[in-house]
N, C-alpha and C. Protein backbone atom coordinates (compact mmCIF):
# COMPACT_ATOMS: atom_id res chain seq x y z
N MET A 1 10.23 4.46 12.16
CA MET A 1 9.12 3.57 12.00
C MET A 1 7.82 4.44 11.81
N ILE A 2 7.00 4.03 10.88
CA ILE A 2 5.73 4.68 10.64
C ILE A 2 4.61 3.93 11.29
N GLU A 3 3.79 4.57 12.13
CA GLU A 3 2.77 3.84 12.91
C GLU A 3 1.45 4.52 12.59
N THR A 4 0.40 3.71 12.71
CA THR A 4 -0.98 4.20 12.67
C THR A 4 -1.90 3.29 13.55
N ARG A 5 -2.91 3.92 14.13
CA ARG A 5 -3.80 3.21 14.96
C ARG A 5 -4.91 2.57 14.09
N VAL A 6 -5.27 1.34 14.34
CA VAL A 6 -6.29 0.65 13.60
C VAL A 6 -7.26 -0.05 14.54
N ARG A 7 -8.40 -0.34 14.09
CA ARG A 7 -9.45 -1.09 14.76
C ARG A 7 -9.74 -2.40 14.00
N ILE A 8 -9.79 -3.49 14.70
CA ILE A 8 -10.08 -4.73 14.13
C ILE A 8 -11.64 -4.78 13.74
N VAL A 9 -11.86 -5.05 12.47
CA VAL A 9 -13.29 -5.12 11.98
C VAL A 9 -13.75 -6.60 12.15
N SER A 10 -12.97 -7.55 11.67
CA SER A 10 -13.30 -8.91 11.77
C SER A 10 -12.01 -9.80 11.76
N THR A 11 -12.10 -10.97 12.17
CA THR A 11 -11.01 -12.01 12.13
C THR A 11 -11.50 -13.30 11.56
N SER A 12 -10.49 -13.96 10.92
CA SER A 12 -10.77 -15.32 10.47
C SER A 12 -9.52 -15.99 10.07
N ALA A 13 -9.30 -17.19 10.61
CA ALA A 13 -8.14 -18.11 10.22
C ALA A 13 -6.79 -17.36 10.26
N GLY A 14 -6.51 -16.73 11.36
CA GLY A 14 -5.20 -16.03 11.40
C GLY A 14 -5.02 -14.72 10.73
N THR A 15 -6.15 -14.17 10.21
CA THR A 15 -6.12 -12.90 9.52
C THR A 15 -7.07 -11.91 10.26
N ALA A 16 -6.59 -10.73 10.44
CA ALA A 16 -7.42 -9.75 11.04
C ALA A 16 -7.73 -8.65 9.99
N TRP A 17 -8.92 -8.28 9.79
CA TRP A 17 -9.31 -7.22 8.87
C TRP A 17 -9.38 -5.92 9.73
N VAL A 18 -8.57 -4.93 9.38
CA VAL A 18 -8.44 -3.76 10.19
C VAL A 18 -8.76 -2.52 9.31
N GLU A 19 -9.19 -1.44 9.98
CA GLU A 19 -9.36 -0.13 9.31
C GLU A 19 -8.83 0.97 10.19
N ALA A 20 -8.31 1.96 9.62
CA ALA A 20 -7.61 3.04 10.35
C ALA A 20 -8.63 3.83 11.15
N THR A 21 -8.22 4.17 12.35
CA THR A 21 -9.06 4.91 13.22
C THR A 21 -8.66 6.37 13.28
N GLU A 22 -7.33 6.72 13.00
CA GLU A 22 -6.91 8.07 13.04
C GLU A 22 -7.10 8.78 11.72
N ALA A 23 -7.32 10.03 11.75
CA ALA A 23 -7.41 10.78 10.50
C ALA A 23 -6.03 10.97 9.96
N GLY A 24 -5.87 10.73 8.65
CA GLY A 24 -4.58 10.84 8.05
C GLY A 24 -4.63 11.65 6.76
N GLY A 25 -3.55 12.01 6.25
CA GLY A 25 -3.50 12.80 4.97
C GLY A 25 -4.29 14.10 5.06
N CYS A 26 -5.12 14.36 4.10
CA CYS A 26 -5.77 15.65 4.10
C CYS A 26 -6.74 15.92 5.21
N SER A 27 -7.31 14.88 5.82
CA SER A 27 -8.21 15.20 6.90
C SER A 27 -7.53 15.57 8.23
N ALA A 28 -6.21 15.40 8.28
CA ALA A 28 -5.52 15.77 9.51
C ALA A 28 -4.85 17.14 9.35
N CYS A 29 -4.79 17.73 8.24
CA CYS A 29 -4.05 19.00 8.02
C CYS A 29 -4.77 20.15 8.61
N GLN A 30 -4.01 21.13 9.21
CA GLN A 30 -4.67 22.31 9.82
C GLN A 30 -5.22 23.29 8.76
N SER A 31 -4.68 23.28 7.51
CA SER A 31 -5.12 24.20 6.54
C SER A 31 -6.16 23.53 5.56
N LYS A 32 -6.86 22.60 6.00
CA LYS A 32 -7.78 21.86 5.08
C LYS A 32 -8.90 22.74 4.57
N SER A 33 -9.24 23.87 5.27
CA SER A 33 -10.35 24.73 4.79
C SER A 33 -9.93 25.54 3.57
N SER A 34 -8.66 25.78 3.37
CA SER A 34 -8.18 26.59 2.27
C SER A 34 -7.46 25.69 1.21
N CYS A 35 -7.46 24.43 1.36
CA CYS A 35 -6.69 23.55 0.45
C CYS A 35 -7.68 22.96 -0.53
N GLY A 36 -7.30 22.90 -1.85
CA GLY A 36 -8.16 22.30 -2.82
C GLY A 36 -8.03 20.82 -2.82
N VAL A 37 -6.98 20.28 -2.41
CA VAL A 37 -6.80 18.78 -2.37
C VAL A 37 -7.63 18.15 -1.25
N SER A 38 -7.93 18.91 -0.24
CA SER A 38 -8.75 18.27 0.85
C SER A 38 -10.09 17.86 0.47
N GLY A 39 -10.69 18.42 -0.66
CA GLY A 39 -11.92 17.89 -1.18
C GLY A 39 -11.79 16.41 -1.62
N LEU A 40 -10.68 16.09 -2.20
CA LEU A 40 -10.45 14.73 -2.56
C LEU A 40 -10.32 13.84 -1.33
N GLY A 41 -9.66 14.35 -0.32
CA GLY A 41 -9.59 13.53 0.94
C GLY A 41 -11.00 13.25 1.56
N ARG A 42 -11.82 14.27 1.51
CA ARG A 42 -13.20 14.04 2.00
C ARG A 42 -13.97 13.10 1.18
N PHE A 43 -13.76 13.15 -0.18
CA PHE A 43 -14.46 12.24 -1.10
C PHE A 43 -14.03 10.81 -0.89
N PHE A 44 -12.77 10.54 -0.74
CA PHE A 44 -12.24 9.21 -0.57
C PHE A 44 -12.31 8.70 0.85
N SER A 45 -12.45 9.58 1.83
CA SER A 45 -12.41 9.08 3.18
C SER A 45 -13.52 8.19 3.62
N SER A 46 -14.71 8.41 2.96
CA SER A 46 -15.89 7.57 3.31
C SER A 46 -15.78 6.20 2.61
N ARG A 47 -14.80 5.98 1.72
CA ARG A 47 -14.66 4.75 1.08
C ARG A 47 -13.52 3.91 1.54
N ARG A 48 -13.27 3.93 2.84
CA ARG A 48 -12.17 3.18 3.44
C ARG A 48 -12.53 1.71 3.42
N GLN A 49 -11.58 0.94 2.96
CA GLN A 49 -11.75 -0.52 2.85
C GLN A 49 -10.84 -1.19 3.95
N PRO A 50 -11.34 -2.21 4.61
CA PRO A 50 -10.57 -2.93 5.54
C PRO A 50 -9.33 -3.56 4.88
N VAL A 51 -8.28 -3.61 5.62
CA VAL A 51 -7.02 -4.24 5.14
C VAL A 51 -6.75 -5.49 5.88
N ALA A 52 -6.34 -6.51 5.19
CA ALA A 52 -6.06 -7.83 5.83
C ALA A 52 -4.66 -7.83 6.40
N VAL A 53 -4.50 -8.20 7.66
CA VAL A 53 -3.20 -8.35 8.33
C VAL A 53 -3.10 -9.68 9.00
N ALA A 54 -2.01 -10.37 8.73
CA ALA A 54 -1.76 -11.63 9.42
C ALA A 54 -1.67 -11.45 10.90
N CYS A 55 -2.44 -12.18 11.67
CA CYS A 55 -2.48 -11.94 13.17
C CYS A 55 -2.54 -13.31 13.83
N ASP A 56 -1.48 -13.58 14.60
CA ASP A 56 -1.45 -14.86 15.29
C ASP A 56 -1.88 -14.75 16.77
N ALA A 57 -2.25 -13.53 17.19
CA ALA A 57 -2.60 -13.30 18.59
C ALA A 57 -4.13 -13.48 18.72
N ASP A 58 -4.54 -13.36 20.01
CA ASP A 58 -6.00 -13.49 20.24
C ASP A 58 -6.62 -12.10 20.00
N ALA A 59 -6.94 -11.86 18.79
CA ALA A 59 -7.53 -10.55 18.39
C ALA A 59 -9.00 -10.70 18.25
N ARG A 60 -9.69 -9.64 18.71
CA ARG A 60 -11.14 -9.66 18.64
C ARG A 60 -11.68 -8.42 17.96
N PRO A 61 -12.77 -8.54 17.25
CA PRO A 61 -13.38 -7.32 16.58
C PRO A 61 -13.61 -6.22 17.58
N GLY A 62 -13.32 -5.01 17.22
CA GLY A 62 -13.45 -3.90 18.06
C GLY A 62 -12.19 -3.51 18.86
N GLN A 63 -11.22 -4.39 18.93
CA GLN A 63 -9.93 -4.13 19.59
C GLN A 63 -9.11 -3.20 18.75
N GLU A 64 -8.41 -2.24 19.43
CA GLU A 64 -7.53 -1.33 18.75
C GLU A 64 -6.13 -1.78 18.83
N LEU A 65 -5.39 -1.63 17.76
CA LEU A 65 -4.03 -1.99 17.65
C LEU A 65 -3.25 -0.84 16.98
N THR A 66 -1.95 -0.87 17.06
CA THR A 66 -1.05 0.04 16.35
C THR A 66 -0.28 -0.80 15.35
N LEU A 67 -0.38 -0.42 14.07
CA LEU A 67 0.36 -1.03 13.03
C LEU A 67 1.59 -0.20 12.78
N ALA A 68 2.74 -0.91 12.57
CA ALA A 68 4.02 -0.21 12.33
C ALA A 68 4.73 -0.87 11.18
N VAL A 69 5.37 0.01 10.34
CA VAL A 69 6.21 -0.50 9.21
C VAL A 69 7.49 0.36 9.22
N GLU A 70 8.59 -0.33 8.93
CA GLU A 70 9.84 0.41 8.77
C GLU A 70 9.81 1.29 7.52
N GLU A 71 10.58 2.43 7.60
CA GLU A 71 10.58 3.35 6.44
C GLU A 71 11.23 2.64 5.26
N GLY A 72 12.20 1.89 5.49
CA GLY A 72 12.91 1.19 4.33
C GLY A 72 11.97 0.23 3.67
N ASP A 73 11.09 -0.51 4.34
CA ASP A 73 10.17 -1.40 3.75
C ASP A 73 9.14 -0.60 2.97
N LEU A 74 8.73 0.53 3.38
CA LEU A 74 7.77 1.37 2.68
C LEU A 74 8.36 1.89 1.43
N LEU A 75 9.62 2.29 1.49
CA LEU A 75 10.37 2.76 0.32
C LEU A 75 10.51 1.65 -0.76
N ARG A 76 10.83 0.46 -0.32
CA ARG A 76 10.96 -0.63 -1.26
C ARG A 76 9.62 -0.95 -1.95
N ALA A 77 8.58 -0.91 -1.16
CA ALA A 77 7.25 -1.18 -1.70
C ALA A 77 6.89 -0.11 -2.76
N GLY A 78 7.22 1.17 -2.48
CA GLY A 78 6.90 2.28 -3.41
C GLY A 78 7.69 2.09 -4.66
N LEU A 79 8.98 1.72 -4.56
CA LEU A 79 9.77 1.51 -5.70
C LEU A 79 9.26 0.40 -6.58
N LEU A 80 8.94 -0.74 -6.00
CA LEU A 80 8.40 -1.88 -6.68
C LEU A 80 7.08 -1.54 -7.37
N ALA A 81 6.16 -0.85 -6.65
CA ALA A 81 4.81 -0.65 -7.19
C ALA A 81 4.77 0.46 -8.19
N TYR A 82 5.58 1.47 -8.15
CA TYR A 82 5.56 2.60 -9.06
C TYR A 82 6.69 2.76 -10.04
N LEU A 83 7.96 2.66 -9.51
CA LEU A 83 9.07 2.90 -10.34
C LEU A 83 9.39 1.75 -11.30
N LEU A 84 9.30 0.57 -10.81
CA LEU A 84 9.64 -0.60 -11.67
C LEU A 84 8.73 -0.71 -12.92
N PRO A 85 7.36 -0.63 -12.76
CA PRO A 85 6.50 -0.68 -13.96
C PRO A 85 6.72 0.49 -14.93
N ALA A 86 7.02 1.68 -14.33
CA ALA A 86 7.23 2.80 -15.26
C ALA A 86 8.54 2.65 -16.05
N LEU A 87 9.61 2.18 -15.37
CA LEU A 87 10.87 2.00 -16.10
C LEU A 87 10.79 0.84 -17.13
N LEU A 88 10.07 -0.22 -16.77
CA LEU A 88 9.88 -1.25 -17.78
C LEU A 88 8.97 -0.93 -18.89
N ALA A 89 8.10 0.00 -18.65
CA ALA A 89 7.23 0.52 -19.74
C ALA A 89 8.01 1.32 -20.75
N VAL A 90 8.91 2.21 -20.20
CA VAL A 90 9.78 3.01 -21.14
C VAL A 90 10.70 2.09 -21.91
N LEU A 91 11.32 1.08 -21.20
CA LEU A 91 12.20 0.13 -21.82
C LEU A 91 11.48 -0.70 -22.92
N GLY A 92 10.29 -1.14 -22.58
CA GLY A 92 9.49 -1.91 -23.56
C GLY A 92 9.12 -1.07 -24.76
N ALA A 93 8.74 0.22 -24.57
CA ALA A 93 8.41 1.09 -25.65
C ALA A 93 9.60 1.31 -26.57
N SER A 94 10.74 1.51 -25.92
CA SER A 94 11.97 1.77 -26.80
C SER A 94 12.40 0.47 -27.50
N LEU A 95 12.29 -0.67 -26.84
CA LEU A 95 12.62 -1.89 -27.61
C LEU A 95 11.63 -2.19 -28.69
N GLY A 96 10.37 -1.98 -28.46
CA GLY A 96 9.36 -2.18 -29.53
C GLY A 96 9.60 -1.23 -30.68
N ASP A 97 9.99 0.04 -30.42
CA ASP A 97 10.27 0.92 -31.53
C ASP A 97 11.56 0.56 -32.22
N HIS A 98 12.53 0.16 -31.53
CA HIS A 98 13.84 -0.22 -32.05
C HIS A 98 13.77 -1.43 -32.97
N PHE A 99 13.03 -2.53 -32.59
CA PHE A 99 13.00 -3.70 -33.36
C PHE A 99 11.90 -3.73 -34.42
N TRP A 100 10.76 -3.06 -34.24
CA TRP A 100 9.64 -3.13 -35.16
C TRP A 100 9.30 -1.80 -35.77
N ARG A 101 9.85 -0.74 -35.33
CA ARG A 101 9.66 0.60 -35.96
C ARG A 101 8.17 0.93 -36.16
N GLY A 102 7.55 1.46 -35.16
CA GLY A 102 6.15 1.91 -35.27
C GLY A 102 5.51 2.30 -33.95
N ASP A 103 4.47 3.09 -34.02
CA ASP A 103 3.81 3.46 -32.79
C ASP A 103 3.06 2.26 -32.11
N ALA A 104 2.51 1.40 -32.94
CA ALA A 104 1.80 0.29 -32.34
C ALA A 104 2.73 -0.64 -31.61
N ALA A 105 3.94 -0.87 -32.18
CA ALA A 105 5.03 -1.67 -31.57
C ALA A 105 5.46 -1.03 -30.27
N SER A 106 5.58 0.29 -30.30
CA SER A 106 5.95 1.02 -29.03
C SER A 106 4.86 0.87 -27.97
N ALA A 107 3.65 0.97 -28.35
CA ALA A 107 2.58 0.90 -27.37
C ALA A 107 2.45 -0.51 -26.84
N LEU A 108 2.64 -1.50 -27.68
CA LEU A 108 2.62 -2.88 -27.20
C LEU A 108 3.80 -3.17 -26.31
N GLY A 109 4.97 -2.65 -26.66
CA GLY A 109 6.14 -2.85 -25.81
C GLY A 109 5.99 -2.21 -24.42
N ALA A 110 5.35 -0.98 -24.46
CA ALA A 110 5.16 -0.25 -23.16
C ALA A 110 4.12 -1.10 -22.32
N LEU A 111 3.09 -1.56 -22.97
CA LEU A 111 2.10 -2.37 -22.23
C LEU A 111 2.74 -3.66 -21.69
N ALA A 112 3.54 -4.28 -22.45
CA ALA A 112 4.17 -5.51 -21.98
C ALA A 112 5.17 -5.14 -20.82
N GLY A 113 5.82 -4.03 -20.86
CA GLY A 113 6.66 -3.56 -19.76
C GLY A 113 5.92 -3.32 -18.50
N VAL A 114 4.74 -2.63 -18.57
CA VAL A 114 3.92 -2.38 -17.38
C VAL A 114 3.42 -3.70 -16.81
N VAL A 115 2.96 -4.60 -17.62
CA VAL A 115 2.43 -5.92 -17.13
C VAL A 115 3.60 -6.64 -16.46
N LEU A 116 4.80 -6.73 -17.10
CA LEU A 116 5.90 -7.40 -16.50
C LEU A 116 6.28 -6.73 -15.12
N GLY A 117 6.34 -5.43 -15.09
CA GLY A 117 6.69 -4.73 -13.90
C GLY A 117 5.72 -4.97 -12.73
N LEU A 118 4.43 -5.01 -13.13
CA LEU A 118 3.38 -5.31 -12.05
C LEU A 118 3.50 -6.73 -11.62
N ALA A 119 3.79 -7.63 -12.53
CA ALA A 119 3.92 -9.07 -12.15
C ALA A 119 5.11 -9.25 -11.20
N ILE A 120 6.25 -8.60 -11.52
CA ILE A 120 7.46 -8.64 -10.60
C ILE A 120 7.13 -8.04 -9.31
N ALA A 121 6.43 -6.93 -9.20
CA ALA A 121 6.03 -6.23 -8.04
C ALA A 121 5.15 -7.17 -7.17
N ARG A 122 4.24 -7.85 -7.84
CA ARG A 122 3.34 -8.78 -7.13
C ARG A 122 4.13 -9.92 -6.54
N LEU A 123 5.12 -10.42 -7.29
CA LEU A 123 5.94 -11.53 -6.84
C LEU A 123 6.74 -11.15 -5.54
N PHE A 124 7.21 -9.91 -5.50
CA PHE A 124 8.01 -9.50 -4.33
C PHE A 124 7.25 -8.64 -3.34
N SER A 125 5.98 -8.71 -3.33
CA SER A 125 5.17 -7.77 -2.54
C SER A 125 4.88 -8.25 -1.15
N ARG A 126 5.46 -9.31 -0.65
CA ARG A 126 5.26 -9.71 0.72
C ARG A 126 5.95 -8.78 1.72
N THR A 127 5.13 -8.07 2.56
CA THR A 127 5.68 -7.18 3.54
C THR A 127 5.91 -7.92 4.83
N ARG A 128 7.25 -8.07 5.07
CA ARG A 128 7.65 -8.82 6.22
C ARG A 128 7.79 -7.84 7.48
N GLY A 129 7.82 -6.56 7.20
CA GLY A 129 8.09 -5.69 8.35
C GLY A 129 6.85 -5.12 9.01
N LEU A 130 5.65 -5.51 8.59
CA LEU A 130 4.46 -4.95 9.23
C LEU A 130 4.20 -5.66 10.52
N ARG A 131 4.08 -4.87 11.58
CA ARG A 131 3.83 -5.39 12.96
C ARG A 131 2.60 -4.72 13.55
N ALA A 132 1.87 -5.47 14.26
CA ALA A 132 0.77 -4.98 15.03
C ALA A 132 1.02 -5.12 16.48
N ARG A 133 0.67 -4.13 17.31
CA ARG A 133 0.76 -4.27 18.71
C ARG A 133 -0.37 -3.51 19.41
N SER A 134 -0.61 -3.95 20.60
CA SER A 134 -1.58 -3.30 21.45
C SER A 134 -1.16 -1.88 21.77
N PRO A 135 -2.01 -0.83 21.78
CA PRO A 135 -1.57 0.53 22.01
C PRO A 135 -0.80 0.71 23.34
N ASN A 136 -1.06 -0.02 24.37
CA ASN A 136 -0.35 0.14 25.64
C ASN A 136 0.75 -0.89 25.83
N SER A 137 1.15 -1.54 24.75
CA SER A 137 2.26 -2.59 24.86
C SER A 137 3.28 -2.26 23.93
N ALA A 138 4.56 -2.49 24.23
CA ALA A 138 5.62 -2.31 23.32
C ALA A 138 5.96 -3.51 22.49
N SER A 139 5.50 -4.69 22.92
CA SER A 139 5.83 -5.89 22.17
C SER A 139 4.80 -6.10 21.04
N PRO A 140 5.33 -6.60 19.87
CA PRO A 140 4.43 -6.89 18.79
C PRO A 140 3.55 -8.08 19.11
N ILE A 141 2.37 -8.08 18.60
CA ILE A 141 1.46 -9.22 18.75
C ILE A 141 1.28 -9.95 17.52
N SER A 142 1.68 -9.44 16.34
CA SER A 142 1.59 -10.18 15.13
C SER A 142 2.55 -9.70 14.16
N THR A 143 2.96 -10.52 13.21
CA THR A 143 3.85 -10.09 12.13
C THR A 143 3.37 -10.74 10.85
N THR A 144 3.78 -10.14 9.75
CA THR A 144 3.43 -10.69 8.43
C THR A 144 4.66 -10.76 7.62
């Protein structure tokens, strides 16, 4: 299970808007002073956006929670978001070239494949395994 600490920014109608409180990625690495990628981490770290999480508990702004997701759910989300559109783009490009013979047809087929892949990913993007719990409690307080 992958977990991270979050702080509730605001709540409304069963939804809690949370933002990460722990340093992650490049900002947590011990070799960040010699790593070229850490500059990107510093650039993007100030642009954190709150994330909406369904929350049926009595959550208040400022409260800290732990969000957890199963590794399998994260893998499925990555496959849907990245692999499916890429595969459908290649398939669309090859079908466009096969039936209409040309670069424009291949480009349009690839674009259609990406759009179809993103639409399918959006359709199946409901994360059922995301759980929030209080840091000193083992029981989940919300699910989506």
